[in-house]
Amino acid sequence: MRAVRRCGFTLMCVFFAHPLAAKPPWTEQYRGMSLPELRSEPVHRIEFNQRDDLKDNRLHLKQHTDYGGSVFDEKNGPAYNVAQGALQITAYKTAQGKIRSGSVQSASDKQANKGARTAFNKDSFVMSGGYWEARIKWPNAVGTWGAFWLLSLDDPKSRGHLEIDAIEYYGKTDARGHHHAIHRWHEPGKKNVHRGDYTGMDAIKDGDWHTYGVDLRGIAKIDDTPAIVIYMDRKEVGRYPADPDFFTRPFYYVLTLAIQKGSSEKFEFPQTMMVDSISVWK
């Protein structure tokens, strides 16, 4: 989700018409269908009830490279807080006029950082398959670029990886917009792949809490091909017939509030993305 590779609505429209598409595009044919039953307790859950949830043995801060129009704070920076039972990621302007924001993730993977290898401690969370869900309240502001997304572990030689964007949210100027996508980056012998979808969801603009999920269990199908399914409030938004490695590769999750590139004098600061919980089921 780096700026040179990432996009807003305009570039996603290009994805729809891309002539390289070997698979059908995202479909919203099953929009509104309920999430299939989760038959067990979560294998991973953080509810952000205490500041300790931000310590390195729970989440890893400032691992991903900066993107958009902001720079992510280091782990002790003011962009991060736990209060009122929620993780708070705040975008703000410094006294010098610099724009800062934040990103947290469940593994210490120094993404695209000069070939650094992935490093885990015993509490890093990485898993293949499953259903991943975050309960989020977005900022009602101009300039927002919030996201809940998954990354596979980098190939140590090529830095290649898979990416699934469960949601990217662009704030007040696109208040109904639910952006979601899959990407394949820099894998040896394979072309980069970018398949995005955009749909309007009236509920997002209410400024309230909602759950956003991505199902990698392979239960859903499109023409007998297992599909990645995106959910909001456990109702289907869209699905995509993905390659098998999207269901077998280990992923970790990322929660980010970046700021769009552009005329920052129009943007509103401070603005805060709140995360009530993050849960993963096998």
Protein backbone atom coordinates (compact mmCIF):
# COMPACT_ATOMS: atom_id res chain seq x y z
CA MET A 1 0.00 0.00 0.00
CA ARG A 2 2.81 2.35 -0.90
CA ALA A 3 2.02 5.64 -2.61
CA VAL A 4 3.67 4.80 -5.92
CA ARG A 5 1.61 1.65 -6.14
CA ARG A 6 -1.55 2.60 -4.40
CA CYS A 7 -4.57 4.39 -5.60
CA GLY A 8 -7.81 6.08 -4.91
CA PHE A 9 -10.97 5.84 -6.93
CA THR A 10 -9.48 7.09 -10.20
CA LEU A 11 -6.81 4.42 -10.49
CA MET A 12 -9.14 1.71 -9.33
CA CYS A 13 -11.33 2.53 -12.34
CA VAL A 14 -8.30 1.71 -14.49
CA PHE A 15 -8.07 -1.67 -12.80
CA PHE A 16 -11.61 -2.53 -13.87
CA ALA A 17 -10.75 -2.10 -17.54
CA HIS A 18 -7.28 -3.67 -17.43
CA PRO A 19 -6.76 -5.89 -20.51
CA LEU A 20 -4.57 -8.37 -18.59
CA ALA A 21 -7.46 -9.61 -16.46
CA ALA A 22 -7.28 -13.40 -16.72
CA LYS A 23 -10.08 -13.89 -14.23
CA PRO A 24 -13.55 -12.36 -14.02
CA PRO A 25 -13.71 -9.08 -12.13
CA TRP A 26 -15.04 -8.67 -8.62
CA THR A 27 -18.71 -9.51 -8.42
CA GLU A 28 -21.36 -8.02 -6.18
CA GLN A 29 -23.91 -10.64 -7.25
CA TYR A 30 -24.13 -11.99 -3.70
CA ARG A 31 -24.09 -8.64 -1.93
CA GLY A 32 -26.03 -8.74 1.33
CA MET A 33 -25.54 -12.46 1.99
CA SER A 34 -24.66 -13.26 5.60
CA LEU A 35 -21.24 -14.49 6.65
CA PRO A 36 -21.20 -18.32 6.88
CA GLU A 37 -21.15 -19.56 10.45
CA LEU A 38 -17.94 -19.24 12.45
CA ARG A 39 -17.75 -22.59 14.24
CA SER A 40 -15.20 -21.79 16.92
CA GLU A 41 -13.81 -19.05 19.10
CA PRO A 42 -11.28 -16.65 17.55
CA VAL A 43 -7.71 -17.93 17.43
CA HIS A 44 -6.55 -14.33 17.84
CA ARG A 45 -8.31 -11.36 19.38
CA ILE A 46 -7.26 -7.96 20.73
CA GLU A 47 -9.91 -5.75 22.32
CA PHE A 48 -7.71 -2.73 23.18
CA ASN A 49 -8.74 -2.47 26.80
CA GLN A 50 -5.33 -1.35 28.03
CA ARG A 51 -2.25 0.49 26.86
CA ASP A 52 -0.28 -2.77 27.03
CA ASP A 53 -1.98 -3.84 23.82
CA LEU A 54 0.39 -1.47 22.00
CA LYS A 55 3.54 -3.03 23.40
CA ASP A 56 5.76 -4.93 20.99
CA ASN A 57 4.54 -8.31 22.18
CA ARG A 58 1.03 -7.48 20.91
CA LEU A 59 1.32 -5.16 17.93
CA HIS A 60 4.26 -3.79 15.99
CA LEU A 61 4.42 -0.10 15.20
CA LYS A 62 6.25 1.76 12.45
CA GLN A 63 7.24 -1.31 10.48
CA HIS A 64 5.71 -0.44 7.13
CA THR A 65 7.26 2.16 4.87
CA ASP A 66 5.47 5.52 4.71
CA TYR A 67 2.99 6.16 1.92
CA GLY A 68 0.54 8.88 0.96
CA GLY A 69 1.08 12.41 2.22
CA SER A 70 2.08 11.58 5.79
CA VAL A 71 4.96 10.02 7.73
CA PHE A 72 4.14 7.28 10.23
CA ASP A 73 5.13 7.88 13.84
CA GLU A 74 7.59 5.62 15.60
CA LYS A 75 6.12 3.37 18.28
CA ASN A 76 6.16 5.97 21.07
CA GLY A 77 4.76 8.77 18.91
CA PRO A 78 1.56 10.70 19.64
CA ALA A 79 -0.23 9.07 16.68
CA TYR A 80 -0.90 6.00 18.87
CA ASN A 81 -3.07 5.68 21.93
CA VAL A 82 -5.44 3.27 23.66
CA ALA A 83 -8.36 5.00 25.37
CA GLN A 84 -12.10 4.46 25.82
CA GLY A 85 -11.64 0.78 24.97
CA ALA A 86 -10.21 1.43 21.51
CA LEU A 87 -6.97 1.76 19.65
CA GLN A 88 -6.71 5.34 18.41
CA ILE A 89 -4.54 6.18 15.40
CA THR A 90 -4.40 9.94 14.89
CA ALA A 91 -3.19 12.00 11.95
CA TYR A 92 -1.93 15.42 12.98
CA LYS A 93 0.25 18.35 11.96
CA THR A 94 3.39 19.18 13.88
CA ALA A 95 4.35 22.70 14.91
CA GLN A 96 6.61 22.70 11.85
CA GLY A 97 3.68 21.86 9.57
CA LYS A 98 4.69 18.24 8.94
CA ILE A 99 1.88 15.69 8.61
CA ARG A 100 2.20 12.61 10.81
CA SER A 101 -0.01 9.53 11.19
CA GLY A 102 0.33 5.87 12.09
CA SER A 103 0.25 2.21 11.15
CA VAL A 104 0.24 -0.92 13.32
CA GLN A 105 0.51 -4.58 12.36
CA SER A 106 0.59 -8.05 13.84
CA ALA A 107 4.09 -9.06 12.73
CA SER A 108 7.47 -7.40 12.76
CA ASP A 109 8.00 -7.49 9.02
CA LYS A 110 10.10 -4.54 7.84
CA GLN A 111 8.19 -4.30 4.60
CA ALA A 112 10.28 -3.15 1.63
CA ASN A 113 13.07 -2.04 3.94
CA LYS A 114 16.32 -2.85 2.12
CA GLY A 115 15.74 -6.57 2.11
CA ALA A 116 15.27 -6.94 5.86
CA ARG A 117 14.08 -10.38 6.85
CA THR A 118 10.87 -11.00 8.71
CA ALA A 119 11.42 -11.28 12.46
CA PHE A 120 8.88 -12.73 14.88
CA ASN A 121 8.62 -12.91 18.60
CA LYS A 122 6.37 -15.48 20.25
CA ASP A 123 3.32 -13.22 20.10
CA SER A 124 3.50 -12.11 16.48
CA PHE A 125 0.38 -13.22 14.65
CA VAL A 126 0.55 -14.72 11.16
CA MET A 127 -1.93 -17.21 9.68
CA SER A 128 -3.12 -18.68 6.39
CA GLY A 129 -6.79 -18.90 5.51
CA GLY A 130 -9.43 -17.99 8.08
CA TYR A 131 -11.79 -15.07 8.56
CA TRP A 132 -10.28 -11.70 9.59
CA GLU A 133 -12.37 -8.91 11.08
CA ALA A 134 -11.83 -5.46 12.59
CA ARG A 135 -14.40 -3.20 14.25
CA ILE A 136 -13.59 0.35 13.18
CA LYS A 137 -14.91 3.89 13.37
CA TRP A 138 -13.49 6.12 10.63
CA PRO A 139 -12.71 9.83 10.90
CA ASN A 140 -15.32 12.19 9.48
CA ALA A 141 -12.68 14.39 7.89
CA VAL A 142 -11.12 15.54 4.63
CA GLY A 143 -7.84 13.93 3.57
CA THR A 144 -8.43 10.56 5.24
CA TRP A 145 -6.80 7.40 3.86
CA GLY A 146 -7.68 4.66 6.33
CA ALA A 147 -7.25 0.95 5.77
CA PHE A 148 -7.61 -2.53 7.19
CA TRP A 149 -5.48 -4.85 5.08
CA LEU A 150 -3.50 -8.09 4.99
CA LEU A 151 0.01 -8.76 3.70
CA SER A 152 1.77 -12.04 3.05
CA LEU A 153 5.36 -12.39 4.19
CA ASP A 154 7.88 -10.83 1.84
CA ASP A 155 10.06 -12.96 -0.36
CA PRO A 156 13.52 -12.09 1.06
CA LYS A 157 15.07 -11.79 -2.41
CA SER A 158 12.48 -10.05 -4.55
CA ARG A 159 10.39 -8.42 -1.79
CA GLY A 160 7.42 -9.98 -3.57
CA HIS A 161 4.21 -10.48 -1.63
CA LEU A 162 0.43 -10.69 -1.79
CA GLU A 163 -1.90 -7.99 -0.47
CA ILE A 164 -5.60 -7.98 0.35
CA ASP A 165 -7.28 -4.67 1.15
CA ALA A 166 -10.40 -5.47 3.17
CA ILE A 167 -11.29 -1.78 3.05
CA GLU A 168 -9.69 1.52 2.15
CA TYR A 169 -11.68 4.54 3.25
CA TYR A 170 -11.18 8.07 1.91
CA GLY A 171 -13.19 10.13 4.37
CA LYS A 172 -15.67 12.94 3.99
CA THR A 173 -15.12 13.52 0.27
CA ASP A 174 -16.04 9.90 -0.50
CA ALA A 175 -18.21 9.17 2.51
CA ARG A 176 -20.04 6.16 1.02
CA GLY A 177 -17.01 4.64 -0.66
CA HIS A 178 -15.99 1.07 0.17
CA HIS A 179 -12.76 0.35 -1.72
CA HIS A 180 -11.33 -3.18 -1.63
CA ALA A 181 -8.69 -4.94 -3.72
CA ILE A 182 -6.17 -7.74 -4.15
CA HIS A 183 -2.58 -7.25 -5.33
CA ARG A 184 0.38 -9.39 -6.31
CA TRP A 185 3.68 -7.51 -6.01
CA HIS A 186 7.13 -8.27 -7.52
CA GLU A 187 7.07 -12.05 -7.52
CA PRO A 188 9.74 -13.78 -9.67
CA GLY A 189 8.36 -14.91 -13.01
CA LYS A 190 4.95 -13.35 -12.41
CA LYS A 191 3.38 -10.07 -13.46
CA ASN A 192 2.13 -7.62 -10.89
CA VAL A 193 -1.63 -8.02 -10.52
CA HIS A 194 -4.04 -5.35 -9.25
CA ARG A 195 -7.76 -6.04 -9.05
CA GLY A 196 -9.85 -3.43 -7.27
CA ASP A 197 -13.53 -2.82 -6.69
CA TYR A 198 -15.48 0.19 -5.49
CA THR A 199 -19.03 0.31 -4.19
CA GLY A 200 -21.15 2.79 -2.28
CA MET A 201 -22.29 1.75 1.21
CA ASP A 202 -24.69 4.18 2.86
CA ALA A 203 -23.97 2.81 6.33
CA ILE A 204 -20.31 3.85 6.28
CA LYS A 205 -21.10 7.55 6.24
CA ASP A 206 -23.02 7.42 9.53
CA GLY A 207 -19.78 7.91 11.48
CA ASP A 208 -20.53 4.93 13.71
CA TRP A 209 -18.84 1.61 14.48
CA HIS A 210 -18.89 -1.12 11.82
CA THR A 211 -17.12 -4.42 11.30
CA TYR A 212 -15.03 -5.00 8.18
CA GLY A 213 -13.98 -8.52 7.28
CA VAL A 214 -12.25 -10.69 4.70
CA ASP A 215 -12.92 -14.42 4.35
CA LEU A 216 -10.00 -16.57 3.19
CA ARG A 217 -11.54 -19.91 4.11
CA GLY A 218 -12.30 -20.70 0.47
CA ILE A 219 -15.92 -21.54 1.25
CA ALA A 220 -17.39 -19.13 -1.29
CA LYS A 221 -16.97 -19.85 -4.98
CA ILE A 222 -17.27 -18.21 -8.37
CA ASP A 223 -17.71 -20.84 -11.11
CA ASP A 224 -16.19 -23.48 -8.80
CA THR A 225 -13.13 -21.31 -8.08
CA PRO A 226 -12.59 -20.40 -4.40
CA ALA A 227 -13.24 -16.70 -3.82
CA ILE A 228 -12.00 -14.06 -1.43
CA VAL A 229 -15.07 -12.43 0.11
CA ILE A 230 -15.25 -8.95 1.62
CA TYR A 231 -17.78 -8.22 4.38
CA MET A 232 -19.19 -5.20 6.17
CA ASP A 233 -21.21 -5.87 9.31
CA ARG A 234 -21.01 -9.56 8.33
CA LYS A 235 -22.93 -8.95 5.11
CA GLU A 236 -21.18 -9.64 1.83
CA VAL A 237 -19.91 -6.65 -0.14
CA GLY A 238 -18.14 -8.43 -3.00
CA ARG A 239 -16.09 -11.47 -3.93
CA TYR A 240 -13.16 -12.27 -6.22
CA PRO A 241 -11.98 -15.64 -7.67
CA ALA A 242 -8.40 -15.65 -6.41
CA ASP A 243 -5.36 -17.79 -7.15
CA PRO A 244 -4.81 -20.69 -4.71
CA ASP A 245 -1.87 -19.06 -2.93
CA PHE A 246 -4.15 -16.35 -1.52
CA PHE A 247 -5.72 -19.12 0.60
CA THR A 248 -2.51 -20.95 1.56
CA ARG A 249 0.07 -18.20 2.17
CA PRO A 250 0.48 -16.89 5.73
CA PHE A 251 -0.78 -13.31 6.17
CA TYR A 252 -0.54 -10.71 8.90
CA TYR A 253 -2.91 -7.78 9.37
CA VAL A 254 -2.26 -4.05 9.18
CA LEU A 255 -4.36 -1.15 10.54
CA THR A 256 -3.40 2.20 9.05
CA LEU A 257 -4.43 5.82 9.02
CA ALA A 258 -2.49 7.60 6.30
CA ILE A 259 -3.27 10.94 4.67
CA GLN A 260 -3.92 11.41 0.99
CA LYS A 261 -1.46 13.27 -1.16
CA GLY A 262 -2.62 16.65 -2.33
CA SER A 263 -3.38 20.14 -1.07
CA SER A 264 -3.00 19.60 2.65
CA GLU A 265 -4.41 23.05 3.46
CA LYS A 266 -7.82 21.54 2.65
CA PHE A 267 -7.29 18.57 4.95
CA GLU A 268 -8.60 18.46 8.50
CA PHE A 269 -6.37 17.82 11.53
CA PRO A 270 -6.31 16.15 13.90
CA GLN A 271 -8.38 13.19 12.74
CA THR A 272 -8.58 9.81 14.44
CA MET A 273 -9.31 6.27 13.29
CA MET A 274 -10.62 4.13 16.16
CA VAL A 275 -10.35 0.33 16.34
CA ASP A 276 -12.46 -1.43 18.95
CA SER A 277 -11.18 -4.94 18.24
CA ILE A 278 -9.40 -7.19 15.78
CA SER A 279 -10.32 -10.88 15.59
CA VAL A 280 -9.29 -13.85 13.45
CA TRP A 281 -11.03 -17.22 13.15
CA LYS A 282 -9.51 -20.35 11.62
